[in-house]
Amino acid sequence: MMPFHFVRLETSRFSYIFAACYYYAMQKIFFLLFLPLVSANVHLAAQKPASAGQQQLMMEKITLASQNMQSLACDFFQTKELSVLNDKMESSGKMYYRNDNRLCWEYLSPYSCLFVLNGDKLLVRSEKSRNVTDVKSSKLFREIIRMMMCGINGSGLEDKNFKAGYFWGEKVWEVVLLPQRKEIRRMFAEIKLMFNTKDYSVDCVEMKEQGGDKTVIRLTNKQFNTKIEDRVFHID
């Protein structure tokens, strides 16, 4: 298999997140880019370290919102910054999530790429390739999927694999996750989850990689607990 750094730049532009996820998981190396925050609606300067009482309230509200989320459909906008290139790669698409371990992440612009998780099966399909993987075949892959789900629904804030820092704001709450396991620290320097204080759902996720790359993804036009047909997550 071709090392990921030699994949053509055009390919990385339309399928970078989940193509990277696929190739690196297969080689036991992960280079994920799941989300500086670029959202105009996020005011980090207004955030301060949460007190013990505020932290407890944040955990309770976020956990309850996660437990009540049966499904989520939304748009996403992604910005990827590469440390080796003075360039930003932007893409957008649709995301569908169901709490029975199903996820569909589809890039629509500037290129087409589809990622589907259905139970233990993972499909990555681009305009030029198609791969189906058994998630159970790789412990690292299972960890990647779990972290992705955490980034979507905000679950797992008390995960022992991360040390969490809580920051309080009037409109935005920030949770900074620092990896504790050696395997995860090789992938990420830190992971930030940004929650709005209206419905306590994730608006943005920022992942900073050890090499200096970072990706910001904003979730917009969110629709909670609507019916999402099985065909959206179908893997043939």
Foldseek 3Di string as FASTA:
>chain_A
DDPPVPPDPVVCLQQVAVVQLVVQQVVLHGAHFAAVADDPPDDCVQKDFDDPVRVVVLVVLLVVLLVPFQKKKFKKKKWKDDPVDPDIRIWIDIWIDGPVFWIWDWTDPPATWIWITDPQWIWTDGPVDIDIDGQVVGPVSVVVSVVVVCLFRVPDLVPPQWDWTWMDHPFKIKIKTAGDDPSVLQFFRIKIFIATPPNRGTQWIWTAGPVGMIMIMGTPPMDGPDDDDPVSRDDD
